C-alpha atoms as a PDB file:
ATOM      1  CA  UNK A   1     -31.150  -5.416 -45.063  1.00  0.00           C
ATOM      2  CA  UNK A   2     -28.173  -8.356 -44.273  1.00  0.00           C
ATOM      3  CA  UNK A   3     -25.062  -7.984 -45.005  1.00  0.00           C
ATOM      4  CA  UNK A   4     -25.500 -12.237 -45.822  1.00  0.00           C
ATOM      5  CA  UNK A   5     -22.718 -12.970 -44.018  1.00  0.00           C
ATOM      6  CA  UNK A   6     -24.761 -12.692 -40.610  1.00  0.00           C
ATOM      7  CA  UNK A   7     -28.341 -12.394 -38.952  1.00  0.00           C
ATOM      8  CA  UNK A   8     -27.048  -8.915 -37.356  1.00  0.00           C
ATOM      9  CA  UNK A   9     -28.589  -5.836 -39.519  1.00  0.00           C
ATOM     10  CA  UNK A  10     -26.250  -3.694 -41.364  1.00  0.00           C
ATOM     11  CA  UNK A  11     -27.520  -0.658 -40.587  1.00  0.00           C
ATOM     12  CA  UNK A  12     -27.279  -0.841 -36.601  1.00  0.00           C
ATOM     13  CA  UNK A  13     -24.008  -1.063 -35.982  1.00  0.00           C
ATOM     14  CA  UNK A  14     -25.172   0.025 -32.713  1.00  0.00           C
ATOM     15  CA  UNK A  15     -26.331  -3.457 -32.151  1.00  0.00           C
ATOM     16  CA  UNK A  16     -23.647  -5.099 -33.270  1.00  0.00           C
ATOM     17  CA  UNK A  17     -21.776  -4.158 -31.040  1.00  0.00           C
ATOM     18  CA  UNK A  18     -23.489  -4.844 -28.305  1.00  0.00           C
ATOM     19  CA  UNK A  19     -24.344  -8.595 -28.824  1.00  0.00           C
ATOM     20  CA  UNK A  20     -20.213  -9.462 -29.897  1.00  0.00           C
ATOM     21  CA  UNK A  21     -19.618  -7.944 -26.598  1.00  0.00           C
ATOM     22  CA  UNK A  22     -22.943  -9.932 -24.658  1.00  0.00           C
ATOM     23  CA  UNK A  23     -22.568 -13.803 -26.987  1.00  0.00           C
ATOM     24  CA  UNK A  24     -24.371 -15.266 -24.281  1.00  0.00           C
ATOM     25  CA  UNK A  25     -27.253 -13.065 -25.081  1.00  0.00           C
ATOM     26  CA  UNK A  26     -27.931 -13.915 -29.020  1.00  0.00           C
ATOM     27  CA  UNK A  27     -27.221 -17.609 -27.786  1.00  0.00           C
ATOM     28  CA  UNK A  28     -30.743 -17.142 -25.129  1.00  0.00           C
ATOM     29  CA  UNK A  29     -32.622 -16.212 -28.722  1.00  0.00           C
ATOM     30  CA  UNK A  30     -31.886 -19.711 -30.358  1.00  0.00           C
ATOM     31  CA  UNK A  31     -35.920 -20.990 -30.731  1.00  0.00           C
ATOM     32  CA  UNK A  32     -36.473 -24.923 -29.354  1.00  0.00           C
ATOM     33  CA  UNK A  33     -39.559 -25.332 -30.879  1.00  0.00           C
ATOM     34  CA  UNK A  34     -41.900 -28.305 -30.965  1.00  0.00           C
ATOM     35  CA  UNK A  35     -42.049 -28.310 -27.546  1.00  0.00           C
ATOM     36  CA  UNK A  36     -39.589 -30.564 -26.823  1.00  0.00           C
ATOM     37  CA  UNK A  37     -40.476 -31.934 -22.638  1.00  0.00           C
ATOM     38  CA  UNK A  38     -44.253 -33.079 -23.874  1.00  0.00           C
ATOM     39  CA  UNK A  39     -42.414 -34.970 -26.952  1.00  0.00           C
ATOM     40  CA  UNK A  40     -39.251 -36.501 -24.523  1.00  0.00           C
ATOM     41  CA  UNK A  41     -42.092 -36.993 -21.536  1.00  0.00           C
ATOM     42  CA  UNK A  42     -44.062 -39.055 -24.054  1.00  0.00           C
ATOM     43  CA  UNK A  43     -41.271 -40.128 -25.545  1.00  0.00           C
ATOM     44  CA  UNK A  44     -40.110 -41.994 -21.998  1.00  0.00           C
ATOM     45  CA  UNK A  45     -43.409 -43.411 -21.222  1.00  0.00           C
ATOM     46  CA  UNK A  46     -44.208 -45.174 -24.263  1.00  0.00           C
ATOM     47  CA  UNK A  47     -40.048 -46.994 -23.560  1.00  0.00           C
ATOM     48  CA  UNK A  48     -41.333 -47.597 -19.933  1.00  0.00           C
ATOM     49  CA  UNK A  49     -44.647 -49.270 -21.278  1.00  0.00           C
ATOM     50  CA  UNK A  50     -42.756 -51.586 -23.980  1.00  0.00           C
ATOM     51  CA  UNK A  51     -40.970 -52.628 -21.524  1.00  0.00           C
ATOM     52  CA  UNK A  52     -43.488 -53.684 -19.141  1.00  0.00           C
ATOM     53  CA  UNK A  53     -45.078 -55.562 -22.186  1.00  0.00           C
ATOM     54  CA  UNK A  54     -42.477 -57.168 -22.904  1.00  0.00           C
ATOM     55  CA  UNK A  55     -41.286 -58.788 -19.370  1.00  0.00           C
ATOM     56  CA  UNK A  56     -44.761 -59.656 -18.682  1.00  0.00           C
ATOM     57  CA  UNK A  57     -44.301 -61.485 -21.937  1.00  0.00           C
ATOM     58  CA  UNK A  58     -41.508 -62.946 -21.454  1.00  0.00           C
ATOM     59  CA  UNK A  59     -42.456 -63.780 -17.280  1.00  0.00           C
ATOM     60  CA  UNK A  60     -45.556 -65.579 -17.755  1.00  0.00           C
ATOM     61  CA  UNK A  61     -44.502 -68.052 -20.758  1.00  0.00           C
END
């Protein structure tokens, strides 16, 4: 059960105190997800391929 203001359970005050004492711990709990590294890598490769195709098009004509 939560108190509606945050994600800390209302019946566990000890856990809430520990999380407030160590704010870095709450930051680490975030989930990046969606395979961000692969999306960035594929986007970079596709961008370089597009630059290469545009450069060859204008260099050949």
